[in-house]
Amino acid sequence: MPSPSDEIEVRRARLSDAPAVSELSGQLGYPTPEREMAGRLAHLIRHPRFGVVLIAENSEGRIAGWLHVSVTPLLEVPLRAEINGLIVAEGERSSGAGARLLQAAEAWAKSKGCTSMSVRSNVVRDRAHAFYVRNGYEHYKTQKAFRKSL
């Protein structure tokens, strides 16, 4: 009998995925109107130097989750990739979709010459923290994040 993760396919995002990506972004805590999400997604698809958006699709063809990963060369560390966003739909969690997305992102990062991956996760996301640890990530630093509007 196949495991639920065997029924999850991972592929690159298409512009037609924007409505589902927008909905899931809201579940992640970043509500974004579909039209705005379509513009952001189109930009990333047209300019792959900014990374890749991966889609996990279940056996019924519904989007189970997405992951955005990018590479930014930094002076202070060897080339590494960063997971910029990862969300699995509420009804799809624990299906293996998140792990499949991570595996695909790690393979993509290796193909770009990266030697490691990093991810930032809000301190209140205990379930996400446990997920990353289960998948081989280690908590190495706690920091504050700052932002300024331009």
N, C-alpha and C. Protein backbone atom coordinates (compact mmCIF):
# COMPACT_ATOMS: atom_id res chain seq x y z
N MET A 1 0.85 -1.19 0.00
CA MET A 1 0.00 0.00 0.00
C MET A 1 0.89 1.24 0.00
N PRO A 2 0.65 2.17 -0.93
CA PRO A 2 1.50 3.36 -0.99
C PRO A 2 1.26 4.27 0.22
N SER A 3 2.34 4.94 0.65
CA SER A 3 2.20 5.92 1.74
C SER A 3 1.63 7.20 1.16
N PRO A 4 1.04 8.07 2.02
CA PRO A 4 0.49 9.32 1.50
C PRO A 4 1.52 10.15 0.72
N SER A 5 2.78 10.13 1.17
CA SER A 5 3.79 10.94 0.47
C SER A 5 4.08 10.41 -0.92
N ASP A 6 3.81 9.11 -1.17
CA ASP A 6 4.00 8.57 -2.52
C ASP A 6 3.00 9.16 -3.50
N GLU A 7 1.90 9.69 -2.99
CA GLU A 7 0.86 10.26 -3.83
C GLU A 7 1.03 11.76 -4.02
N ILE A 8 2.13 12.32 -3.52
CA ILE A 8 2.43 13.75 -3.65
C ILE A 8 3.45 13.93 -4.76
N GLU A 9 3.11 14.75 -5.73
CA GLU A 9 4.05 15.10 -6.80
C GLU A 9 4.55 16.52 -6.56
N VAL A 10 5.84 16.74 -6.76
CA VAL A 10 6.42 18.07 -6.62
C VAL A 10 6.83 18.56 -8.00
N ARG A 11 6.46 19.80 -8.29
CA ARG A 11 6.77 20.40 -9.59
C ARG A 11 7.02 21.89 -9.38
N ARG A 12 7.53 22.54 -10.42
CA ARG A 12 7.70 23.99 -10.38
C ARG A 12 6.34 24.67 -10.51
N ALA A 13 6.23 25.83 -9.89
CA ALA A 13 4.98 26.58 -9.93
C ALA A 13 4.71 27.09 -11.34
N ARG A 14 3.42 27.19 -11.65
CA ARG A 14 2.94 27.80 -12.89
C ARG A 14 2.08 29.01 -12.50
N LEU A 15 1.92 29.91 -13.41
CA LEU A 15 1.11 31.10 -13.13
C LEU A 15 -0.32 30.72 -12.72
N SER A 16 -0.84 29.63 -13.27
CA SER A 16 -2.19 29.19 -12.93
C SER A 16 -2.31 28.74 -11.47
N ASP A 17 -1.19 28.58 -10.78
CA ASP A 17 -1.20 28.20 -9.37
C ASP A 17 -1.44 29.38 -8.44
N ALA A 18 -1.44 30.59 -8.98
CA ALA A 18 -1.52 31.79 -8.14
C ALA A 18 -2.70 31.79 -7.16
N PRO A 19 -3.92 31.40 -7.55
CA PRO A 19 -5.01 31.41 -6.57
C PRO A 19 -4.73 30.51 -5.36
N ALA A 20 -4.24 29.30 -5.60
CA ALA A 20 -3.95 28.38 -4.49
C ALA A 20 -2.77 28.87 -3.67
N VAL A 21 -1.75 29.41 -4.33
CA VAL A 21 -0.59 29.95 -3.61
C VAL A 21 -1.03 31.12 -2.73
N SER A 22 -1.92 31.94 -3.25
CA SER A 22 -2.44 33.07 -2.49
C SER A 22 -3.21 32.58 -1.26
N GLU A 23 -4.07 31.60 -1.45
CA GLU A 23 -4.85 31.06 -0.33
C GLU A 23 -3.93 30.48 0.75
N LEU A 24 -2.95 29.72 0.32
CA LEU A 24 -2.03 29.11 1.29
C LEU A 24 -1.17 30.16 1.97
N SER A 25 -0.83 31.21 1.27
CA SER A 25 -0.06 32.29 1.87
C SER A 25 -0.84 32.89 3.04
N GLY A 26 -2.14 32.99 2.90
CA GLY A 26 -2.98 33.45 3.99
C GLY A 26 -2.93 32.51 5.18
N GLN A 27 -2.92 31.20 4.93
CA GLN A 27 -2.81 30.22 6.02
C GLN A 27 -1.47 30.36 6.74
N LEU A 28 -0.45 30.81 6.02
CA LEU A 28 0.88 31.01 6.60
C LEU A 28 0.94 32.29 7.42
N GLY A 29 -0.07 33.15 7.25
CA GLY A 29 -0.10 34.40 7.99
C GLY A 29 0.26 35.61 7.16
N TYR A 30 0.32 35.42 5.84
CA TYR A 30 0.67 36.50 4.91
C TYR A 30 -0.41 36.62 3.84
N PRO A 31 -1.59 37.12 4.22
CA PRO A 31 -2.67 37.23 3.22
C PRO A 31 -2.25 38.13 2.06
N THR A 32 -2.49 37.64 0.86
CA THR A 32 -2.11 38.37 -0.35
C THR A 32 -3.22 38.20 -1.37
N PRO A 33 -3.74 39.30 -1.92
CA PRO A 33 -4.76 39.18 -2.97
C PRO A 33 -4.23 38.37 -4.15
N GLU A 34 -5.11 37.60 -4.78
CA GLU A 34 -4.72 36.74 -5.90
C GLU A 34 -3.98 37.51 -6.99
N ARG A 35 -4.47 38.68 -7.33
CA ARG A 35 -3.86 39.45 -8.42
C ARG A 35 -2.41 39.82 -8.07
N GLU A 36 -2.19 40.23 -6.82
CA GLU A 36 -0.83 40.58 -6.39
C GLU A 36 0.06 39.34 -6.38
N MET A 37 -0.49 38.22 -5.90
CA MET A 37 0.28 36.98 -5.88
C MET A 37 0.64 36.55 -7.29
N ALA A 38 -0.29 36.71 -8.23
CA ALA A 38 -0.01 36.35 -9.62
C ALA A 38 1.16 37.17 -10.16
N GLY A 39 1.22 38.43 -9.81
CA GLY A 39 2.33 39.27 -10.24
C GLY A 39 3.66 38.82 -9.63
N ARG A 40 3.63 38.51 -8.35
CA ARG A 40 4.86 38.04 -7.68
C ARG A 40 5.32 36.71 -8.28
N LEU A 41 4.37 35.80 -8.47
CA LEU A 41 4.70 34.49 -9.01
C LEU A 41 5.24 34.62 -10.43
N ALA A 42 4.61 35.46 -11.24
CA ALA A 42 5.07 35.67 -12.61
C ALA A 42 6.51 36.19 -12.62
N HIS A 43 6.83 37.10 -11.72
CA HIS A 43 8.19 37.64 -11.64
C HIS A 43 9.19 36.54 -11.31
N LEU A 44 8.86 35.69 -10.35
CA LEU A 44 9.78 34.60 -9.98
C LEU A 44 9.92 33.58 -11.09
N ILE A 45 8.85 33.31 -11.80
CA ILE A 45 8.92 32.35 -12.91
C ILE A 45 9.77 32.92 -14.05
N ARG A 46 9.61 34.21 -14.34
CA ARG A 46 10.38 34.85 -15.42
C ARG A 46 11.85 35.07 -15.05
N HIS A 47 12.13 35.19 -13.77
CA HIS A 47 13.49 35.51 -13.31
C HIS A 47 13.97 34.45 -12.32
N PRO A 48 14.35 33.29 -12.81
CA PRO A 48 14.71 32.19 -11.91
C PRO A 48 15.96 32.44 -11.07
N ARG A 49 16.69 33.51 -11.36
CA ARG A 49 17.85 33.82 -10.51
C ARG A 49 17.41 34.17 -9.09
N PHE A 50 16.13 34.51 -8.92
CA PHE A 50 15.60 34.82 -7.59
C PHE A 50 15.14 33.57 -6.85
N GLY A 51 15.35 32.42 -7.42
CA GLY A 51 14.96 31.18 -6.76
C GLY A 51 13.87 30.46 -7.53
N VAL A 52 13.26 29.52 -6.84
CA VAL A 52 12.24 28.69 -7.46
C VAL A 52 11.09 28.50 -6.46
N VAL A 53 9.89 28.43 -7.00
CA VAL A 53 8.71 28.10 -6.20
C VAL A 53 8.30 26.69 -6.60
N LEU A 54 8.25 25.82 -5.61
CA LEU A 54 7.88 24.43 -5.84
C LEU A 54 6.48 24.19 -5.31
N ILE A 55 5.74 23.36 -6.01
CA ILE A 55 4.36 23.05 -5.67
C ILE A 55 4.25 21.57 -5.36
N ALA A 56 3.58 21.25 -4.25
CA ALA A 56 3.24 19.86 -3.93
C ALA A 56 1.78 19.66 -4.32
N GLU A 57 1.54 18.68 -5.16
CA GLU A 57 0.19 18.42 -5.65
C GLU A 57 -0.22 17.02 -5.20
N ASN A 58 -1.43 16.89 -4.65
CA ASN A 58 -1.87 15.57 -4.19
C ASN A 58 -2.44 14.75 -5.35
N SER A 59 -2.84 13.52 -5.05
CA SER A 59 -3.28 12.61 -6.11
C SER A 59 -4.56 13.07 -6.80
N GLU A 60 -5.33 13.97 -6.16
CA GLU A 60 -6.54 14.51 -6.79
C GLU A 60 -6.25 15.77 -7.61
N GLY A 61 -4.97 16.18 -7.67
CA GLY A 61 -4.60 17.36 -8.44
C GLY A 61 -4.73 18.65 -7.67
N ARG A 62 -5.02 18.58 -6.37
CA ARG A 62 -5.10 19.79 -5.54
C ARG A 62 -3.72 20.15 -5.01
N ILE A 63 -3.48 21.43 -4.89
CA ILE A 63 -2.20 21.89 -4.36
C ILE A 63 -2.20 21.69 -2.85
N ALA A 64 -1.25 20.88 -2.39
CA ALA A 64 -1.14 20.55 -0.98
C ALA A 64 -0.20 21.51 -0.25
N GLY A 65 0.67 22.19 -0.99
CA GLY A 65 1.60 23.12 -0.36
C GLY A 65 2.54 23.74 -1.37
N TRP A 66 3.30 24.71 -0.89
CA TRP A 66 4.33 25.33 -1.73
C TRP A 66 5.54 25.67 -0.89
N LEU A 67 6.66 25.81 -1.59
CA LEU A 67 7.93 26.18 -0.98
C LEU A 67 8.66 27.13 -1.92
N HIS A 68 9.15 28.23 -1.39
CA HIS A 68 9.99 29.16 -2.17
C HIS A 68 11.40 29.06 -1.59
N VAL A 69 12.36 28.79 -2.44
CA VAL A 69 13.76 28.68 -2.03
C VAL A 69 14.60 29.57 -2.94
N SER A 70 15.61 30.20 -2.36
CA SER A 70 16.48 31.08 -3.16
C SER A 70 17.92 30.94 -2.70
N VAL A 71 18.80 31.43 -3.54
CA VAL A 71 20.23 31.48 -3.23
C VAL A 71 20.67 32.93 -3.31
N THR A 72 21.29 33.41 -2.24
CA THR A 72 21.86 34.75 -2.23
C THR A 72 23.31 34.62 -1.80
N PRO A 73 24.26 34.88 -2.69
CA PRO A 73 25.67 34.78 -2.29
C PRO A 73 25.97 35.79 -1.17
N LEU A 74 26.58 35.30 -0.12
CA LEU A 74 26.96 36.14 1.02
C LEU A 74 28.46 36.08 1.22
N LEU A 75 29.04 37.16 1.68
CA LEU A 75 30.49 37.18 1.93
C LEU A 75 30.88 36.32 3.12
N GLU A 76 30.02 36.28 4.13
CA GLU A 76 30.43 35.68 5.40
C GLU A 76 30.27 34.16 5.50
N VAL A 77 29.60 33.54 4.53
CA VAL A 77 29.41 32.08 4.59
C VAL A 77 29.52 31.48 3.19
N PRO A 78 29.85 30.18 3.12
CA PRO A 78 29.84 29.51 1.81
C PRO A 78 28.43 29.56 1.22
N LEU A 79 28.34 29.36 -0.08
CA LEU A 79 27.07 29.46 -0.79
C LEU A 79 26.03 28.54 -0.16
N ARG A 80 24.89 29.12 0.21
CA ARG A 80 23.81 28.34 0.79
C ARG A 80 22.48 28.84 0.25
N ALA A 81 21.51 27.98 0.34
CA ALA A 81 20.15 28.32 -0.07
C ALA A 81 19.33 28.62 1.18
N GLU A 82 18.28 29.40 0.98
CA GLU A 82 17.38 29.69 2.10
C GLU A 82 15.95 29.41 1.69
N ILE A 83 15.25 28.75 2.57
CA ILE A 83 13.82 28.55 2.38
C ILE A 83 13.15 29.85 2.79
N ASN A 84 12.53 30.51 1.84
CA ASN A 84 11.89 31.80 2.11
C ASN A 84 10.45 31.63 2.57
N GLY A 85 9.84 30.54 2.22
CA GLY A 85 8.47 30.27 2.64
C GLY A 85 8.13 28.82 2.38
N LEU A 86 7.41 28.22 3.31
CA LEU A 86 6.94 26.84 3.16
C LEU A 86 5.61 26.72 3.88
N ILE A 87 4.61 26.26 3.17
CA ILE A 87 3.29 26.06 3.79
C ILE A 87 2.68 24.79 3.20
N VAL A 88 2.09 24.00 4.08
CA VAL A 88 1.29 22.85 3.66
C VAL A 88 -0.14 23.14 4.11
N ALA A 89 -1.09 22.91 3.24
CA ALA A 89 -2.51 23.20 3.52
C ALA A 89 -2.96 22.49 4.79
N GLU A 90 -3.85 23.14 5.50
CA GLU A 90 -4.33 22.61 6.78
C GLU A 90 -4.78 21.15 6.67
N GLY A 91 -5.52 20.79 5.67
CA GLY A 91 -6.01 19.42 5.52
C GLY A 91 -4.99 18.43 5.00
N GLU A 92 -3.80 18.92 4.64
CA GLU A 92 -2.76 18.07 4.04
C GLU A 92 -1.56 17.86 4.96
N ARG A 93 -1.56 18.50 6.11
CA ARG A 93 -0.41 18.38 7.01
C ARG A 93 -0.25 16.94 7.47
N SER A 94 0.99 16.53 7.66
CA SER A 94 1.37 15.16 8.04
C SER A 94 1.14 14.15 6.92
N SER A 95 1.00 14.64 5.69
CA SER A 95 0.81 13.76 4.53
C SER A 95 2.14 13.43 3.84
N GLY A 96 3.20 14.11 4.25
CA GLY A 96 4.49 13.95 3.59
C GLY A 96 4.77 15.03 2.58
N ALA A 97 3.80 15.93 2.34
CA ALA A 97 3.99 16.98 1.34
C ALA A 97 5.15 17.91 1.71
N GLY A 98 5.24 18.30 2.98
CA GLY A 98 6.31 19.18 3.41
C GLY A 98 7.68 18.55 3.22
N ALA A 99 7.80 17.29 3.59
CA ALA A 99 9.08 16.59 3.43
C ALA A 99 9.46 16.46 1.96
N ARG A 100 8.48 16.19 1.11
CA ARG A 100 8.75 16.08 -0.33
C ARG A 100 9.21 17.43 -0.89
N LEU A 101 8.57 18.52 -0.44
CA LEU A 101 8.99 19.85 -0.87
C LEU A 101 10.42 20.14 -0.41
N LEU A 102 10.74 19.80 0.84
CA LEU A 102 12.10 20.02 1.35
C LEU A 102 13.13 19.24 0.52
N GLN A 103 12.83 17.98 0.23
CA GLN A 103 13.76 17.16 -0.55
C GLN A 103 14.01 17.78 -1.92
N ALA A 104 12.95 18.24 -2.56
CA ALA A 104 13.09 18.85 -3.89
C ALA A 104 13.88 20.15 -3.81
N ALA A 105 13.63 20.95 -2.78
CA ALA A 105 14.37 22.21 -2.60
C ALA A 105 15.84 21.94 -2.35
N GLU A 106 16.14 20.94 -1.55
CA GLU A 106 17.54 20.59 -1.27
C GLU A 106 18.25 20.12 -2.53
N ALA A 107 17.57 19.33 -3.34
CA ALA A 107 18.17 18.88 -4.61
C ALA A 107 18.42 20.07 -5.52
N TRP A 108 17.47 21.02 -5.58
CA TRP A 108 17.65 22.22 -6.39
C TRP A 108 18.85 23.01 -5.88
N ALA A 109 18.96 23.17 -4.56
CA ALA A 109 20.07 23.93 -3.98
C ALA A 109 21.42 23.27 -4.30
N LYS A 110 21.49 21.97 -4.20
CA LYS A 110 22.73 21.27 -4.55
C LYS A 110 23.09 21.52 -6.01
N SER A 111 22.08 21.53 -6.88
CA SER A 111 22.34 21.75 -8.30
C SER A 111 22.88 23.16 -8.56
N LYS A 112 22.66 24.08 -7.64
CA LYS A 112 23.16 25.46 -7.75
C LYS A 112 24.50 25.64 -7.04
N GLY A 113 25.06 24.55 -6.51
CA GLY A 113 26.36 24.62 -5.86
C GLY A 113 26.31 24.95 -4.38
N CYS A 114 25.14 24.90 -3.79
CA CYS A 114 25.02 25.21 -2.36
C CYS A 114 25.51 24.04 -1.51
N THR A 115 26.12 24.39 -0.38
CA THR A 115 26.61 23.37 0.53
C THR A 115 25.73 23.23 1.77
N SER A 116 24.74 24.12 1.92
CA SER A 116 23.82 24.03 3.05
C SER A 116 22.53 24.77 2.74
N MET A 117 21.55 24.55 3.62
CA MET A 117 20.25 25.22 3.53
C MET A 117 19.98 25.86 4.88
N SER A 118 19.27 26.97 4.85
CA SER A 118 18.83 27.58 6.10
C SER A 118 17.35 27.94 5.98
N VAL A 119 16.73 28.13 7.11
CA VAL A 119 15.33 28.52 7.16
C VAL A 119 15.12 29.31 8.44
N ARG A 120 14.28 30.33 8.35
CA ARG A 120 13.88 31.09 9.52
C ARG A 120 12.43 30.75 9.81
N SER A 121 12.10 30.58 11.07
CA SER A 121 10.75 30.20 11.44
C SER A 121 10.35 30.97 12.68
N ASN A 122 9.18 31.59 12.63
CA ASN A 122 8.68 32.38 13.75
C ASN A 122 8.72 31.56 15.05
N VAL A 123 9.07 32.21 16.13
CA VAL A 123 9.22 31.51 17.42
C VAL A 123 7.94 30.83 17.89
N VAL A 124 6.79 31.24 17.39
CA VAL A 124 5.53 30.63 17.83
C VAL A 124 5.16 29.37 17.04
N ARG A 125 5.93 29.01 16.03
CA ARG A 125 5.59 27.86 15.16
C ARG A 125 6.26 26.57 15.65
N ASP A 126 5.86 26.11 16.81
CA ASP A 126 6.47 24.92 17.40
C ASP A 126 6.37 23.69 16.50
N ARG A 127 5.22 23.50 15.85
CA ARG A 127 5.06 22.33 14.98
C ARG A 127 6.03 22.39 13.81
N ALA A 128 6.22 23.59 13.25
CA ALA A 128 7.17 23.75 12.15
C ALA A 128 8.59 23.47 12.63
N HIS A 129 8.93 23.92 13.83
CA HIS A 129 10.28 23.68 14.36
C HIS A 129 10.54 22.18 14.47
N ALA A 130 9.57 21.44 15.01
CA ALA A 130 9.72 19.99 15.14
C ALA A 130 9.86 19.34 13.76
N PHE A 131 9.13 19.84 12.77
CA PHE A 131 9.22 19.33 11.40
C PHE A 131 10.63 19.49 10.86
N TYR A 132 11.22 20.68 11.02
CA TYR A 132 12.56 20.91 10.49
C TYR A 132 13.58 20.02 11.19
N VAL A 133 13.47 19.86 12.50
CA VAL A 133 14.39 18.99 13.24
C VAL A 133 14.27 17.55 12.74
N ARG A 134 13.02 17.07 12.55
CA ARG A 134 12.81 15.72 12.03
C ARG A 134 13.45 15.52 10.66
N ASN A 135 13.58 16.61 9.91
CA ASN A 135 14.14 16.53 8.57
C ASN A 135 15.62 16.92 8.50
N GLY A 136 16.29 16.88 9.65
CA GLY A 136 17.74 17.04 9.68
C GLY A 136 18.27 18.45 9.89
N TYR A 137 17.40 19.40 10.15
CA TYR A 137 17.84 20.78 10.39
C TYR A 137 18.12 20.94 11.88
N GLU A 138 19.08 21.80 12.20
CA GLU A 138 19.38 22.05 13.60
C GLU A 138 19.16 23.53 13.92
N HIS A 139 18.66 23.77 15.11
CA HIS A 139 18.48 25.15 15.58
C HIS A 139 19.86 25.66 15.98
N TYR A 140 20.35 26.67 15.30
CA TYR A 140 21.70 27.15 15.57
C TYR A 140 21.75 28.59 16.05
N LYS A 141 20.63 29.33 15.98
CA LYS A 141 20.69 30.73 16.36
C LYS A 141 19.29 31.26 16.60
N THR A 142 19.17 32.17 17.54
CA THR A 142 17.94 32.93 17.76
C THR A 142 18.28 34.38 17.54
N GLN A 143 17.44 35.09 16.81
CA GLN A 143 17.75 36.47 16.49
C GLN A 143 16.49 37.31 16.44
N LYS A 144 16.66 38.61 16.36
CA LYS A 144 15.55 39.53 16.15
C LYS A 144 15.58 39.96 14.70
N ALA A 145 14.42 40.22 14.14
CA ALA A 145 14.32 40.67 12.75
C ALA A 145 13.85 42.12 12.76
N PHE A 146 14.42 42.90 11.88
CA PHE A 146 14.08 44.33 11.78
C PHE A 146 13.63 44.61 10.36
N ARG A 147 12.75 45.60 10.19
CA ARG A 147 12.23 45.96 8.89
C ARG A 147 12.05 47.46 8.84
N LYS A 148 12.20 48.02 7.65
CA LYS A 148 11.97 49.44 7.43
C LYS A 148 11.28 49.61 6.09
N SER A 149 10.22 50.35 6.07
CA SER A 149 9.53 50.63 4.81
C SER A 149 10.35 51.64 4.00
N LEU A 150 10.37 51.42 2.70
CA LEU A 150 11.10 52.34 1.79
C LEU A 150 10.12 53.05 0.87
